[in-house]
Amino acid sequence: MTSFTDRSTAFQKVRKALRKEYGKQTVPVSDCIARQILWFVLLEQSSFQQAEQSLERIDKFFVDLNELRVSLAREIASCIPGTPDAEAKAHRATRVFNSLFWLKNTMDWSFVRGMGVRELRQFFENLEGGDPVLAAAMTMFFSTGHAIPADADVQRTLGRLGLSEEKDDAGQLQSFLERAVTKEEGCETWALLHRLAESVCFPGEPVCEKCPVLSLCPFGEQKMEAARQQQKKATAKPKRAKAKSGDGESGAKVKSAGKGKSRSAKAKPAKSLASGRAAKAAPAAKSGAKAKTAAKTTRASTSAGTGGSAGKAATKRGAAASSGSKSAKSASKSSKAAAAKSTKVTKSSKTVTSTKASKTTAKSASVSSKAAAVKSEKSSARSKSAAASSGKSAGAKAKSARGKGGRSK
């Protein structure tokens, strides 16, 4: 934006928006020119209310402005706490007052009202402590000329609104404002820019979200866009972290489930092998039970005492029992072999926790088969002894019968 027409059009839009927001503005002008100078000096980078309060404290602490003129800057600053750059403002005010006193030997400033616009401006520009900004302010307050002071607040607001160039100084900005608005609108325009500066467009960090001319301010739009981008980044980071943690949890669950399945799959063959070995050992136990029943029958036959036929039957049963004991031995051997195989299987599956049950079942099966084999051996021995005793008793009876028959003859 380089042409005056573009800048002027944009400034008129800003002025209308500020007038709509803050309403019509009026600036109080004091009859005492020295007091008005002090008020304008205190107003820079401050609010209208703060400037009025500071002026009231000075009135209470000092007898008059002549006493203020001869006071130290730090003493004046101590009377106006809360005023930005209080000591610098106090030093500037005393310089202006002393400059006039050395020139006129008085603190009466009434002669200023009789000066022309050009003369008035030149007087305050050349005065010690004065500058083009103070000269424009005194021209606006105490003459019929058209002037708008471009103080620090006006320069800051125009710069952020994009209505001034970096190379523009206070005099150039004042010339632009005096051309952009009429004489009747000059004082109100200056007051509107000050209202904007004291409410949202602060020297340090402005409150752009509450600015009434945000849509017309390039600085404010750029700042708000940066804030939105930063907020998006801040809200996007926790979501990504949650997604990553969710993926990690699901992956851990899948891995644990896969490990559990593999372990159960490895444990199943061990269990099936142990159950097969136990099923093979079952016939050995059954054969041992048969041997026990055969021994019982031989005992019953011997107790009945049926003679030689009974002894022969007993011998046959003993032979059957002996054959049963042999089958029991073979069954025990097969059970031992099965137990050995089961122990090998259990050794190979030590790494799996679920194979502990198969070890215990295989061991119990082998113990039971061994016990059955021992019992079958004992029963076969008993049957043999019973058959022998029955044979001897039958032979003795036969001999005795023969001897009795011979004697009778």
Protein backbone atom coordinates (compact mmCIF):
# COMPACT_ATOMS: atom_id res chain seq x y z
CA MET A 1 0.00 0.00 0.00
CA THR A 2 2.10 2.95 -1.31
CA SER A 3 -0.35 5.45 -2.81
CA PHE A 4 -1.98 8.09 -0.65
CA THR A 5 -5.45 7.26 -2.03
CA ASP A 6 -5.26 3.62 -0.93
CA ARG A 7 -3.97 4.55 2.52
CA SER A 8 -6.60 7.26 2.94
CA THR A 9 -9.45 4.91 1.95
CA ALA A 10 -8.25 2.25 4.35
CA PHE A 11 -7.89 4.81 7.17
CA GLN A 12 -11.45 6.06 6.66
CA LYS A 13 -12.72 2.49 7.11
CA VAL A 14 -10.74 2.21 10.33
CA ARG A 15 -12.06 5.54 11.58
CA LYS A 16 -15.67 4.54 10.92
CA ALA A 17 -15.21 1.23 12.74
CA LEU A 18 -13.64 2.99 15.74
CA ARG A 19 -16.39 5.61 15.84
CA LYS A 20 -18.98 2.82 15.81
CA GLU A 21 -17.18 1.01 18.66
CA TYR A 22 -16.25 3.92 20.96
CA GLY A 23 -18.77 6.56 19.93
CA LYS A 24 -18.16 10.28 19.54
CA GLN A 25 -15.02 11.49 21.31
CA THR A 26 -14.23 14.84 22.90
CA VAL A 27 -10.92 16.01 24.34
CA PRO A 28 -10.89 18.23 27.46
CA VAL A 29 -8.87 21.42 27.01
CA SER A 30 -7.70 23.36 30.06
CA ASP A 31 -7.55 27.16 30.28
CA CYS A 32 -4.02 26.81 31.68
CA ILE A 33 -1.66 26.12 28.82
CA ALA A 34 1.10 24.80 31.17
CA ARG A 35 -1.39 22.32 32.70
CA GLN A 36 -2.49 21.20 29.21
CA ILE A 37 1.16 20.64 28.24
CA LEU A 38 1.71 18.53 31.38
CA TRP A 39 -1.46 16.49 30.68
CA PHE A 40 -0.37 15.75 27.10
CA VAL A 41 3.10 14.67 28.27
CA LEU A 42 1.59 12.30 30.88
CA LEU A 43 -0.87 10.84 28.32
CA GLU A 44 1.77 9.29 26.06
CA GLN A 45 1.56 5.42 26.17
CA SER A 46 -1.05 5.76 28.90
CA SER A 47 -4.83 6.10 29.13
CA PHE A 48 -6.96 9.22 29.53
CA GLN A 49 -7.97 8.09 33.01
CA GLN A 50 -4.39 7.46 34.13
CA ALA A 51 -3.31 10.87 32.87
CA GLU A 52 -6.10 12.58 34.81
CA GLN A 53 -5.26 10.64 37.99
CA SER A 54 -1.56 11.50 37.70
CA LEU A 55 -2.40 15.17 37.25
CA GLU A 56 -4.58 15.11 40.37
CA ARG A 57 -1.73 13.58 42.44
CA ILE A 58 0.65 16.28 41.25
CA ASP A 59 -1.84 18.97 42.29
CA LYS A 60 -2.01 17.47 45.78
CA PHE A 61 1.73 17.07 46.23
CA PHE A 62 2.98 20.38 44.75
CA VAL A 63 1.84 23.91 45.51
CA ASP A 64 1.81 24.97 41.84
CA LEU A 65 3.52 24.23 38.54
CA ASN A 66 6.35 26.60 39.36
CA GLU A 67 7.30 24.34 42.30
CA LEU A 68 7.06 21.39 39.92
CA ARG A 69 9.49 23.18 37.59
CA VAL A 70 12.23 23.32 40.24
CA SER A 71 11.66 19.77 41.55
CA LEU A 72 13.71 16.72 40.69
CA ALA A 73 12.36 14.25 38.18
CA ARG A 74 12.53 11.32 40.64
CA GLU A 75 10.51 13.28 43.21
CA ILE A 76 7.80 13.93 40.64
CA ALA A 77 7.88 10.27 39.51
CA SER A 78 7.37 9.10 43.10
CA CYS A 79 4.10 11.06 43.19
CA ILE A 80 2.65 9.34 40.11
CA PRO A 81 3.12 5.57 40.60
CA GLY A 82 1.66 3.40 37.86
CA THR A 83 2.43 5.92 35.11
CA PRO A 84 4.55 4.40 32.30
CA ASP A 85 8.02 6.02 32.09
CA ALA A 86 7.09 8.39 34.92
CA GLU A 87 10.61 9.73 35.50
CA ALA A 88 11.25 10.40 31.80
CA LYS A 89 7.94 12.22 31.50
CA ALA A 90 8.69 14.29 34.60
CA HIS A 91 12.10 15.22 33.23
CA ARG A 92 10.57 16.33 29.92
CA ALA A 93 7.90 18.46 31.63
CA THR A 94 10.47 20.28 33.81
CA ARG A 95 12.65 20.94 30.75
CA VAL A 96 9.74 22.57 28.88
CA PHE A 97 8.76 24.69 31.88
CA ASN A 98 12.34 25.79 32.57
CA SER A 99 12.87 26.62 28.91
CA LEU A 100 9.91 29.03 28.95
CA PHE A 101 10.93 30.50 32.32
CA TRP A 102 14.45 31.21 31.11
CA LEU A 103 12.99 32.76 27.97
CA LYS A 104 10.18 34.85 29.49
CA ASN A 105 11.07 34.81 33.19
CA THR A 106 7.54 33.73 33.97
CA MET A 107 5.23 30.72 33.97
CA ASP A 108 2.47 32.62 32.16
CA TRP A 109 1.79 31.01 28.79
CA SER A 110 -1.09 33.19 27.66
CA PHE A 111 0.95 34.81 24.87
CA VAL A 112 0.71 31.50 22.95
CA ARG A 113 -2.96 32.16 22.12
CA GLY A 114 -2.04 35.20 20.03
CA MET A 115 0.41 33.33 17.78
CA GLY A 116 -0.39 32.19 14.28
CA VAL A 117 -0.44 28.54 13.30
CA ARG A 118 3.00 28.52 11.72
CA GLU A 119 4.55 30.62 14.49
CA LEU A 120 3.02 28.45 17.19
CA ARG A 121 4.38 25.30 15.61
CA GLN A 122 7.85 26.72 15.23
CA PHE A 123 7.91 27.95 18.83
CA PHE A 124 7.20 24.52 20.36
CA GLU A 125 9.45 22.71 17.91
CA ASN A 126 12.41 24.90 18.88
CA LEU A 127 11.62 24.89 22.61
CA GLU A 128 13.89 22.72 24.79
CA GLY A 129 11.97 19.53 25.48
CA GLY A 130 9.65 20.26 22.55
CA ASP A 131 9.29 18.44 19.21
CA PRO A 132 6.93 18.34 16.19
CA VAL A 133 4.48 16.14 18.14
CA LEU A 134 4.13 18.65 21.01
CA ALA A 135 3.88 21.48 18.48
CA ALA A 136 1.02 19.71 16.63
CA ALA A 137 -0.79 19.04 19.92
CA MET A 138 -0.58 22.72 21.01
CA THR A 139 -1.73 23.80 17.55
CA MET A 140 -4.73 21.43 17.78
CA PHE A 141 -5.63 22.65 21.30
CA PHE A 142 -4.94 26.40 21.17
CA SER A 143 -5.22 27.56 17.55
CA THR A 144 -7.57 27.46 14.61
CA GLY A 145 -5.08 25.47 12.53
CA HIS A 146 -5.46 21.89 11.40
CA ALA A 147 -3.04 19.55 13.16
CA ILE A 148 -3.11 15.93 14.45
CA PRO A 149 -0.21 14.90 16.71
CA ALA A 150 1.38 11.55 15.84
CA ASP A 151 2.60 10.55 19.29
CA ALA A 152 3.88 7.08 20.25
CA ASP A 153 0.36 5.61 20.53
CA VAL A 154 -0.73 6.91 17.13
CA GLN A 155 2.48 5.70 15.50
CA ARG A 156 2.04 2.22 16.99
CA THR A 157 -1.59 1.80 15.93
CA LEU A 158 -1.02 3.10 12.39
CA GLY A 159 2.01 0.85 11.99
CA ARG A 160 0.08 -2.29 13.00
CA LEU A 161 -2.83 -1.31 10.77
CA GLY A 162 -0.45 -1.15 7.82
CA LEU A 163 -1.10 2.56 7.22
CA SER A 164 2.48 3.73 7.70
CA GLU A 165 5.81 2.87 6.19
CA GLU A 166 8.90 1.96 8.18
CA LYS A 167 10.70 5.08 6.94
CA ASP A 168 7.88 7.42 8.02
CA ASP A 169 8.65 9.65 11.00
CA ALA A 170 6.25 11.60 13.20
CA GLY A 171 6.16 14.61 10.88
CA GLN A 172 5.29 12.50 7.82
CA LEU A 173 2.53 10.62 9.68
CA GLN A 174 1.07 13.94 10.88
CA SER A 175 1.07 15.21 7.30
CA PHE A 176 -0.77 12.06 6.15
CA LEU A 177 -3.43 12.35 8.87
CA GLU A 178 -3.99 16.05 8.20
CA ARG A 179 -4.61 15.26 4.54
CA ALA A 180 -6.76 12.16 5.21
CA VAL A 181 -9.28 13.85 7.57
CA THR A 182 -10.82 17.30 7.82
CA LYS A 183 -10.03 19.93 10.43
CA GLU A 184 -13.31 19.28 12.25
CA GLU A 185 -12.52 15.54 12.49
CA GLY A 186 -8.89 16.04 13.53
CA CYS A 187 -9.21 16.09 17.33
CA GLU A 188 -11.80 13.29 17.41
CA THR A 189 -9.64 11.13 15.09
CA TRP A 190 -6.67 11.53 17.41
CA ALA A 191 -8.84 10.61 20.41
CA LEU A 192 -10.23 7.51 18.63
CA LEU A 193 -6.72 6.25 17.88
CA HIS A 194 -5.81 6.77 21.54
CA ARG A 195 -8.88 4.79 22.65
CA LEU A 196 -7.79 1.92 20.45
CA ALA A 197 -4.24 2.10 21.85
CA GLU A 198 -5.31 2.15 25.51
CA SER A 199 -7.97 -0.60 25.22
CA VAL A 200 -6.46 -3.36 23.05
CA CYS A 201 -3.42 -2.17 21.05
CA PHE A 202 -1.00 -2.11 23.98
CA PRO A 203 2.71 -1.33 23.55
CA GLY A 204 3.82 -4.82 24.55
CA GLU A 205 1.35 -7.58 23.68
CA PRO A 206 -1.90 -6.41 22.02
CA VAL A 207 -5.24 -8.16 22.62
CA CYS A 208 -6.02 -8.71 18.96
CA GLU A 209 -9.01 -11.04 19.54
CA LYS A 210 -10.92 -8.11 21.09
CA CYS A 211 -9.86 -5.51 18.51
CA PRO A 212 -12.79 -3.78 16.76
CA VAL A 213 -10.73 -3.37 13.56
CA LEU A 214 -9.20 -6.86 13.47
CA SER A 215 -10.47 -7.52 9.95
CA LEU A 216 -8.67 -4.36 8.78
CA CYS A 217 -5.41 -5.04 10.64
CA PRO A 218 -2.72 -7.14 8.88
CA PHE A 219 -0.73 -7.46 12.10
CA GLY A 220 -3.73 -8.79 14.03
CA GLU A 221 -4.74 -11.27 11.33
CA GLN A 222 -1.20 -12.62 11.14
CA LYS A 223 -1.04 -13.04 14.90
CA MET A 224 -4.41 -14.80 15.10
CA GLU A 225 -3.46 -17.17 12.29
CA ALA A 226 -0.23 -18.07 14.10
CA ALA A 227 -2.23 -18.72 17.28
CA ARG A 228 -4.63 -21.00 15.39
CA GLN A 229 -1.78 -22.99 13.87
CA GLN A 230 -0.16 -23.37 17.27
CA GLN A 231 -3.44 -24.56 18.77
CA LYS A 232 -3.85 -27.14 15.99
CA LYS A 233 -0.38 -28.51 16.67
CA ALA A 234 -1.05 -28.65 20.42
CA THR A 235 -4.30 -30.57 19.91
CA ALA A 236 -2.81 -32.92 17.28
CA LYS A 237 0.10 -34.17 19.44
CA PRO A 238 -1.97 -35.90 22.18
CA LYS A 239 -4.07 -37.69 19.51
CA ARG A 240 -0.98 -39.10 17.84
CA ALA A 241 0.39 -40.23 21.17
CA LYS A 242 -2.89 -41.97 22.01
CA ALA A 243 -2.93 -43.72 18.64
CA LYS A 244 0.62 -44.96 19.16
CA SER A 245 -0.15 -46.25 22.65
CA GLY A 246 -3.28 -47.98 21.33
CA ASP A 247 -1.27 -49.69 18.58
CA GLY A 248 1.30 -50.84 21.11
CA GLU A 249 -1.34 -52.27 23.42
CA SER A 250 -3.08 -54.13 20.60
CA GLY A 251 0.25 -55.48 19.35
CA ALA A 252 1.12 -56.70 22.84
CA LYS A 253 -2.28 -58.39 23.12
CA VAL A 254 -1.82 -60.14 19.76
CA LYS A 255 1.67 -61.31 20.75
CA SER A 256 0.49 -62.65 24.11
CA ALA A 257 -2.43 -64.42 22.47
CA GLY A 258 -0.09 -66.00 19.91
CA LYS A 259 2.26 -67.20 22.65
CA GLY A 260 -0.62 -68.71 24.62
CA LYS A 261 -1.87 -70.56 21.55
CA SER A 262 1.57 -71.97 20.75
CA ARG A 263 2.07 -73.15 24.32
CA SER A 264 -1.33 -74.88 24.41
CA ALA A 265 -0.62 -76.46 21.01
CA LYS A 266 2.69 -77.84 22.30
CA ALA A 267 1.13 -79.11 25.51
CA LYS A 268 -1.67 -81.02 23.75
CA PRO A 269 0.58 -83.70 22.13
CA ALA A 270 2.31 -84.35 25.46
CA LYS A 271 -1.05 -84.90 27.13
CA SER A 272 -2.23 -87.22 24.34
CA LEU A 273 0.98 -89.28 24.54
CA ALA A 274 0.69 -89.64 28.30
CA SER A 275 -2.94 -90.73 27.98
CA GLY A 276 -1.91 -93.34 25.34
CA ARG A 277 0.77 -94.76 27.62
CA ALA A 278 -1.70 -94.96 30.48
CA ALA A 279 -4.20 -96.79 28.23
CA LYS A 280 -1.54 -99.35 27.29
CA ALA A 281 -0.69 -99.96 30.94
CA ALA A 282 -4.34 -100.71 31.78
CA PRO A 283 -4.33 -104.36 30.40
CA ALA A 284 -1.43 -105.19 32.74
CA ALA A 285 -3.55 -104.19 35.69
CA LYS A 286 -6.41 -106.31 34.35
CA SER A 287 -4.14 -109.39 33.98
CA GLY A 288 -2.99 -108.96 37.56
CA ALA A 289 -6.59 -108.98 38.69
CA LYS A 290 -7.20 -112.24 36.76
CA ALA A 291 -4.20 -113.84 38.47
CA LYS A 292 -5.64 -112.92 41.85
CA THR A 293 -8.97 -114.63 41.03
CA ALA A 294 -7.12 -117.79 39.85
CA ALA A 295 -5.21 -117.98 43.12
CA LYS A 296 -8.44 -117.70 45.06
CA THR A 297 -9.98 -120.61 43.11
CA THR A 298 -6.93 -122.85 43.81
CA ARG A 299 -7.17 -122.08 47.51
CA ALA A 300 -10.85 -123.09 47.49
CA SER A 301 -10.09 -126.37 45.72
CA THR A 302 -7.36 -127.35 48.19
CA SER A 303 -9.59 -126.64 51.18
CA ALA A 304 -12.34 -128.94 49.77
CA GLY A 305 -9.93 -131.98 49.63
CA THR A 306 -11.35 -133.75 46.56
CA GLY A 307 -8.36 -136.17 46.06
CA GLY A 308 -6.23 -136.70 42.99
CA SER A 309 -8.74 -135.26 40.54
CA ALA A 310 -8.85 -132.15 42.58
CA GLY A 311 -5.06 -132.04 42.65
CA LYS A 312 -4.91 -132.37 38.88
CA ALA A 313 -7.44 -129.62 38.50
CA ALA A 314 -5.43 -127.56 40.89
CA THR A 315 -2.25 -128.19 38.93
CA LYS A 316 -4.00 -127.10 35.75
CA ARG A 317 -5.23 -123.98 37.44
CA GLY A 318 -1.73 -123.37 38.78
CA ALA A 319 -0.42 -123.69 35.26
CA ALA A 320 -3.04 -121.23 34.12
CA ALA A 321 -2.05 -118.93 36.94
CA SER A 322 1.59 -119.27 35.97
CA SER A 323 0.69 -118.41 32.40
CA GLY A 324 -1.28 -115.44 33.76
CA SER A 325 1.76 -114.36 35.74
CA LYS A 326 3.85 -114.56 32.56
CA SER A 327 1.35 -112.39 30.74
CA ALA A 328 1.40 -110.03 33.70
CA LYS A 329 5.20 -109.88 33.47
CA SER A 330 5.02 -109.11 29.77
CA ALA A 331 2.38 -106.48 30.50
CA SER A 332 4.60 -105.00 33.16
CA LYS A 333 7.48 -104.90 30.70
CA SER A 334 5.32 -103.13 28.14
CA SER A 335 4.14 -100.70 30.80
CA LYS A 336 7.76 -100.05 31.79
CA ALA A 337 8.63 -99.38 28.16
CA ALA A 338 5.62 -97.12 27.89
CA ALA A 339 6.68 -95.34 31.08
CA ALA A 340 10.20 -94.89 29.70
CA LYS A 341 8.81 -93.43 26.49
CA SER A 342 6.53 -91.13 28.47
CA THR A 343 9.44 -89.91 30.59
CA LYS A 344 11.36 -89.11 27.37
CA VAL A 345 8.39 -87.16 26.12
CA THR A 346 8.10 -85.28 29.39
CA LYS A 347 11.86 -84.44 29.31
CA SER A 348 11.51 -82.98 25.80
CA SER A 349 8.60 -80.77 26.90
CA LYS A 350 10.21 -79.28 30.02
CA THR A 351 10.16 -75.78 28.53
CA VAL A 352 6.37 -75.76 28.40
CA THR A 353 4.62 -75.15 31.66
CA SER A 354 1.51 -77.11 30.78
CA THR A 355 3.45 -80.45 30.41
CA LYS A 356 3.82 -80.74 34.19
CA ALA A 357 0.45 -82.45 34.35
CA SER A 358 1.51 -85.03 31.73
CA LYS A 359 4.64 -85.86 33.77
CA THR A 360 2.59 -86.56 36.86
CA THR A 361 0.09 -88.73 34.96
CA ALA A 362 2.90 -90.76 33.32
CA LYS A 363 4.65 -91.30 36.64
CA SER A 364 1.42 -92.40 38.33
CA ALA A 365 0.72 -94.82 35.45
CA SER A 366 4.19 -96.35 35.72
CA VAL A 367 3.90 -96.69 39.50
CA SER A 368 0.51 -98.35 39.22
CA SER A 369 1.78 -100.77 36.53
CA LYS A 370 4.80 -101.68 38.68
CA ALA A 371 2.55 -102.29 41.68
CA ALA A 372 0.28 -104.48 39.54
CA ALA A 373 3.27 -106.50 38.30
CA VAL A 374 4.53 -107.06 41.85
CA LYS A 375 1.10 -108.14 42.99
CA SER A 376 0.78 -110.56 40.01
CA GLU A 377 4.18 -112.12 40.80
CA LYS A 378 3.19 -112.60 44.43
CA SER A 379 -0.11 -114.22 43.42
CA SER A 380 1.63 -116.58 40.97
CA ALA A 381 4.07 -117.68 43.69
CA ARG A 382 1.20 -118.31 46.07
CA SER A 383 -0.64 -120.35 43.41
CA LYS A 384 2.48 -122.45 42.78
CA SER A 385 2.92 -123.21 46.45
CA ALA A 386 -0.76 -124.05 46.79
CA ALA A 387 -0.58 -126.43 43.81
CA ALA A 388 2.49 -128.15 45.20
CA SER A 389 0.93 -128.61 48.61
CA SER A 390 -2.27 -129.94 47.10
CA GLY A 391 -0.29 -132.43 44.94
CA LYS A 392 1.66 -133.68 47.93
CA SER A 393 -1.50 -134.18 50.00
CA ALA A 394 -3.20 -136.04 47.16
CA GLY A 395 -0.18 -138.37 46.67
CA ALA A 396 -0.03 -139.10 50.37
CA LYS A 397 -3.69 -139.96 50.43
CA ALA A 398 -3.29 -142.25 47.43
CA LYS A 399 -0.39 -144.08 49.06
CA SER A 400 -2.31 -144.51 52.27
CA ALA A 401 -5.28 -145.88 50.34
CA ARG A 402 -3.09 -148.35 48.52
CA GLY A 403 -1.49 -149.50 51.75
CA LYS A 404 -4.85 -150.16 53.35
CA GLY A 405 -5.99 -152.15 50.30
CA GLY A 406 -2.91 -154.45 50.47
CA ARG A 407 -3.35 -155.13 54.11
CA SER A 408 -6.97 -156.08 53.62
CA LYS A 409 -6.01 -158.64 51.00
